[in-house]
Amino acid sequence: MEKEVQCFKCGSKIKVMDRVGRRDECASCRSDVHVCKNCEFYDPSSYNECRESSADVVQEKERANFCDYFSPGSNHSKSDDKEALMSAAEALFKKN
């Protein structure tokens, strides 16, 4: 079954046939594909930033890892961009 993943770094579409290998890279920016930020379970608001409760803790969410629960997804539509979050927070608490 073919699935499409959006690269967390450059936004390019990556076609995945069966499995994502640990060494697979995005053709556009050469970022690792088997990373937390490309996984359907990645959620910055969850404990350890992962909705899969049995998964081991992964410290570096943007680097290839050995997580057995990895499932290609495109969850980064949830904005976890620090700059965007900081500007939103500053706007919220802005003094007039």
N, C-alpha and C. Protein backbone atom coordinates (compact mmCIF):
# COMPACT_ATOMS: atom_id res chain seq x y z
N MET A 1 0.84 -1.18 0.00
CA MET A 1 0.00 0.00 0.00
C MET A 1 0.88 1.24 0.00
N GLU A 2 0.63 2.15 -0.90
CA GLU A 2 1.41 3.38 -1.01
C GLU A 2 0.83 4.45 -0.10
N LYS A 3 1.72 5.15 0.60
CA LYS A 3 1.32 6.22 1.50
C LYS A 3 2.18 7.43 1.19
N GLU A 4 1.66 8.61 1.44
CA GLU A 4 2.42 9.82 1.18
C GLU A 4 2.72 10.52 2.50
N VAL A 5 3.97 10.93 2.66
CA VAL A 5 4.42 11.62 3.86
C VAL A 5 4.93 12.99 3.44
N GLN A 6 4.64 13.98 4.24
CA GLN A 6 5.17 15.31 3.97
C GLN A 6 6.40 15.50 4.85
N CYS A 7 7.53 15.84 4.25
CA CYS A 7 8.78 16.02 4.97
C CYS A 7 8.62 17.11 6.02
N PHE A 8 9.00 16.82 7.24
CA PHE A 8 8.87 17.78 8.33
C PHE A 8 9.73 19.01 8.12
N LYS A 9 10.81 18.87 7.37
CA LYS A 9 11.77 19.96 7.22
C LYS A 9 11.46 20.86 6.03
N CYS A 10 11.26 20.29 4.84
CA CYS A 10 11.07 21.12 3.64
C CYS A 10 9.64 21.10 3.11
N GLY A 11 8.82 20.17 3.59
CA GLY A 11 7.43 20.11 3.15
C GLY A 11 7.19 19.30 1.89
N SER A 12 8.23 18.74 1.30
CA SER A 12 8.08 17.94 0.08
C SER A 12 7.29 16.67 0.37
N LYS A 13 6.58 16.21 -0.64
CA LYS A 13 5.83 14.96 -0.53
C LYS A 13 6.77 13.79 -0.80
N ILE A 14 6.72 12.79 0.06
CA ILE A 14 7.55 11.60 -0.07
C ILE A 14 6.62 10.40 -0.19
N LYS A 15 6.75 9.64 -1.27
CA LYS A 15 5.93 8.44 -1.45
C LYS A 15 6.61 7.26 -0.77
N VAL A 16 5.82 6.55 0.04
CA VAL A 16 6.31 5.41 0.80
C VAL A 16 5.50 4.19 0.38
N MET A 17 6.18 3.14 -0.04
CA MET A 17 5.47 1.94 -0.49
C MET A 17 5.04 1.06 0.69
N ASP A 18 5.97 0.44 1.37
CA ASP A 18 5.63 -0.51 2.43
C ASP A 18 6.15 -0.02 3.77
N ARG A 19 7.45 0.14 3.85
CA ARG A 19 8.09 0.56 5.10
C ARG A 19 9.07 1.68 4.82
N VAL A 20 9.36 2.45 5.86
CA VAL A 20 10.38 3.49 5.76
C VAL A 20 11.62 2.92 6.44
N GLY A 21 12.71 2.86 5.71
CA GLY A 21 13.97 2.38 6.27
C GLY A 21 14.61 3.44 7.13
N ARG A 22 15.42 3.02 8.07
CA ARG A 22 16.08 3.96 8.98
C ARG A 22 16.97 4.93 8.23
N ARG A 23 17.53 4.53 7.12
CA ARG A 23 18.46 5.39 6.37
C ARG A 23 17.80 6.11 5.20
N ASP A 24 16.50 5.99 5.04
CA ASP A 24 15.82 6.69 3.94
C ASP A 24 15.89 8.19 4.15
N GLU A 25 16.06 8.92 3.02
CA GLU A 25 16.18 10.37 3.07
C GLU A 25 15.17 11.02 2.15
N CYS A 26 14.82 12.26 2.46
CA CYS A 26 13.98 13.08 1.58
C CYS A 26 14.80 13.42 0.34
N ALA A 27 14.22 13.25 -0.82
CA ALA A 27 14.94 13.53 -2.07
C ALA A 27 15.24 15.02 -2.24
N SER A 28 14.43 15.87 -1.63
CA SER A 28 14.62 17.31 -1.80
C SER A 28 15.67 17.91 -0.86
N CYS A 29 15.58 17.58 0.43
CA CYS A 29 16.47 18.23 1.40
C CYS A 29 17.44 17.27 2.10
N ARG A 30 17.33 15.99 1.78
CA ARG A 30 18.21 14.95 2.32
C ARG A 30 18.06 14.75 3.84
N SER A 31 16.94 15.16 4.40
CA SER A 31 16.65 14.91 5.81
C SER A 31 16.24 13.46 5.99
N ASP A 32 16.48 12.92 7.17
CA ASP A 32 16.03 11.57 7.47
C ASP A 32 14.51 11.51 7.41
N VAL A 33 13.97 10.37 6.98
CA VAL A 33 12.52 10.21 6.89
C VAL A 33 11.99 9.46 8.11
N HIS A 34 12.74 8.48 8.63
CA HIS A 34 12.30 7.68 9.78
C HIS A 34 12.58 8.46 11.07
N VAL A 35 11.85 9.57 11.25
CA VAL A 35 12.01 10.44 12.42
C VAL A 35 10.66 10.67 13.07
N CYS A 36 10.70 11.04 14.33
CA CYS A 36 9.46 11.26 15.08
C CYS A 36 8.54 12.27 14.40
N LYS A 37 9.11 13.34 13.87
CA LYS A 37 8.29 14.39 13.28
C LYS A 37 7.60 13.97 11.98
N ASN A 38 7.94 12.83 11.43
CA ASN A 38 7.25 12.30 10.25
C ASN A 38 6.33 11.14 10.62
N CYS A 39 6.15 10.89 11.89
CA CYS A 39 5.35 9.75 12.36
C CYS A 39 3.93 10.19 12.70
N GLU A 40 2.98 9.30 12.44
CA GLU A 40 1.59 9.63 12.76
C GLU A 40 1.35 9.76 14.27
N PHE A 41 2.23 9.19 15.10
CA PHE A 41 2.06 9.27 16.55
C PHE A 41 2.70 10.51 17.16
N TYR A 42 3.46 11.27 16.38
CA TYR A 42 4.12 12.47 16.90
C TYR A 42 3.08 13.52 17.29
N ASP A 43 3.18 14.00 18.53
CA ASP A 43 2.26 15.02 19.02
C ASP A 43 2.98 15.83 20.08
N PRO A 44 3.34 17.07 19.78
CA PRO A 44 4.09 17.90 20.73
C PRO A 44 3.38 18.09 22.06
N SER A 45 2.06 17.93 22.10
CA SER A 45 1.34 18.15 23.35
C SER A 45 1.21 16.88 24.20
N SER A 46 1.66 15.74 23.69
CA SER A 46 1.60 14.48 24.43
C SER A 46 2.85 14.26 25.26
N TYR A 47 2.75 13.36 26.24
CA TYR A 47 3.90 12.98 27.04
C TYR A 47 4.97 12.41 26.13
N ASN A 48 6.19 12.87 26.26
CA ASN A 48 7.32 12.49 25.40
C ASN A 48 7.07 12.80 23.92
N GLU A 49 6.10 13.66 23.66
CA GLU A 49 5.74 14.08 22.30
C GLU A 49 5.34 12.92 21.41
N CYS A 50 4.75 11.87 22.02
CA CYS A 50 4.34 10.68 21.28
C CYS A 50 3.03 10.15 21.85
N ARG A 51 2.06 9.87 20.96
CA ARG A 51 0.79 9.30 21.40
C ARG A 51 0.85 7.80 21.62
N GLU A 52 1.94 7.15 21.20
CA GLU A 52 2.11 5.71 21.42
C GLU A 52 2.75 5.54 22.80
N SER A 53 1.97 5.08 23.75
CA SER A 53 2.43 5.01 25.15
C SER A 53 3.52 3.95 25.38
N SER A 54 3.63 2.96 24.52
CA SER A 54 4.62 1.90 24.70
C SER A 54 5.97 2.21 24.05
N ALA A 55 6.04 3.28 23.28
CA ALA A 55 7.28 3.62 22.56
C ALA A 55 8.34 4.12 23.53
N ASP A 56 9.59 3.79 23.22
CA ASP A 56 10.71 4.30 24.01
C ASP A 56 10.84 5.80 23.76
N VAL A 57 11.41 6.49 24.74
CA VAL A 57 11.63 7.93 24.60
C VAL A 57 12.73 8.19 23.57
N VAL A 58 12.46 9.07 22.64
CA VAL A 58 13.45 9.47 21.63
C VAL A 58 13.76 10.94 21.90
N GLN A 59 15.02 11.24 22.17
CA GLN A 59 15.41 12.60 22.50
C GLN A 59 15.45 13.51 21.28
N GLU A 60 16.02 13.04 20.19
CA GLU A 60 16.18 13.86 18.99
C GLU A 60 15.08 13.53 17.99
N LYS A 61 14.06 14.34 17.95
CA LYS A 61 12.86 14.08 17.15
C LYS A 61 13.07 14.29 15.65
N GLU A 62 14.18 14.93 15.26
CA GLU A 62 14.43 15.21 13.85
C GLU A 62 15.54 14.35 13.26
N ARG A 63 15.98 13.32 13.99
CA ARG A 63 17.04 12.42 13.49
C ARG A 63 16.51 11.00 13.42
N ALA A 64 17.07 10.22 12.51
CA ALA A 64 16.65 8.83 12.33
C ALA A 64 16.75 8.06 13.64
N ASN A 65 15.80 7.16 13.88
CA ASN A 65 15.79 6.38 15.11
C ASN A 65 15.35 4.95 14.82
N PHE A 66 15.36 4.13 15.84
CA PHE A 66 15.01 2.71 15.70
C PHE A 66 13.62 2.38 16.24
N CYS A 67 12.76 3.37 16.39
CA CYS A 67 11.44 3.14 16.98
C CYS A 67 10.65 2.13 16.15
N ASP A 68 10.19 1.07 16.81
CA ASP A 68 9.40 0.03 16.15
C ASP A 68 7.96 0.46 15.88
N TYR A 69 7.52 1.53 16.53
CA TYR A 69 6.15 2.00 16.37
C TYR A 69 6.01 3.04 15.26
N PHE A 70 7.10 3.38 14.60
CA PHE A 70 7.05 4.40 13.55
C PHE A 70 6.04 4.01 12.49
N SER A 71 5.18 4.96 12.17
CA SER A 71 4.21 4.79 11.10
C SER A 71 4.15 6.09 10.32
N PRO A 72 4.43 6.05 9.03
CA PRO A 72 4.47 7.30 8.25
C PRO A 72 3.17 8.08 8.36
N GLY A 73 3.31 9.33 8.64
CA GLY A 73 2.15 10.21 8.75
C GLY A 73 2.59 11.63 8.51
N SER A 74 1.67 12.54 8.47
CA SER A 74 2.04 13.94 8.31
C SER A 74 1.30 14.75 9.37
N ASN A 75 1.79 14.65 10.57
CA ASN A 75 1.19 15.34 11.70
C ASN A 75 1.73 16.73 11.93
N HIS A 76 2.69 17.17 11.15
CA HIS A 76 3.23 18.47 11.45
C HIS A 76 2.35 19.60 10.96
N SER A 77 1.11 19.28 10.58
CA SER A 77 0.16 20.34 10.33
C SER A 77 -0.15 21.06 11.65
N LYS A 78 0.06 20.34 12.76
CA LYS A 78 0.01 20.96 14.07
C LYS A 78 1.29 21.77 14.18
N SER A 79 1.17 23.04 14.28
CA SER A 79 2.37 23.88 14.24
C SER A 79 3.20 23.73 15.50
N ASP A 80 4.43 23.27 15.33
CA ASP A 80 5.35 23.21 16.46
C ASP A 80 6.55 24.09 16.17
N ASP A 81 6.37 25.03 15.26
CA ASP A 81 7.43 25.95 14.91
C ASP A 81 7.61 26.94 16.05
N LYS A 82 8.80 26.95 16.65
CA LYS A 82 9.05 27.79 17.82
C LYS A 82 8.78 29.26 17.56
N GLU A 83 9.21 29.76 16.41
CA GLU A 83 9.02 31.17 16.11
C GLU A 83 7.54 31.53 16.03
N ALA A 84 6.75 30.68 15.40
CA ALA A 84 5.32 30.95 15.28
C ALA A 84 4.65 30.92 16.65
N LEU A 85 5.05 29.96 17.48
CA LEU A 85 4.49 29.88 18.82
C LEU A 85 4.90 31.08 19.68
N MET A 86 6.15 31.49 19.56
CA MET A 86 6.62 32.64 20.34
C MET A 86 5.90 33.92 19.92
N SER A 87 5.73 34.13 18.64
CA SER A 87 5.04 35.35 18.18
C SER A 87 3.58 35.34 18.61
N ALA A 88 2.96 34.17 18.61
CA ALA A 88 1.57 34.07 19.07
C ALA A 88 1.48 34.37 20.56
N ALA A 89 2.43 33.86 21.34
CA ALA A 89 2.44 34.12 22.78
C ALA A 89 2.70 35.60 23.07
N GLU A 90 3.62 36.20 22.34
CA GLU A 90 3.91 37.62 22.53
C GLU A 90 2.70 38.48 22.18
N ALA A 91 2.00 38.11 21.12
CA ALA A 91 0.80 38.85 20.74
C ALA A 91 -0.29 38.72 21.79
N LEU A 92 -0.38 37.56 22.39
CA LEU A 92 -1.40 37.33 23.42
C LEU A 92 -1.14 38.16 24.66
N PHE A 93 0.13 38.28 25.06
CA PHE A 93 0.48 38.98 26.28
C PHE A 93 1.03 40.39 26.04
N LYS A 94 0.79 40.90 24.85
CA LYS A 94 1.29 42.21 24.48
C LYS A 94 0.65 43.29 25.32
N LYS A 95 1.51 44.19 25.85
CA LYS A 95 1.00 45.32 26.64
C LYS A 95 0.63 46.45 25.70
N ASN A 96 -0.48 47.08 25.96
CA ASN A 96 -0.93 48.22 25.13
C ASN A 96 -0.36 49.52 25.64
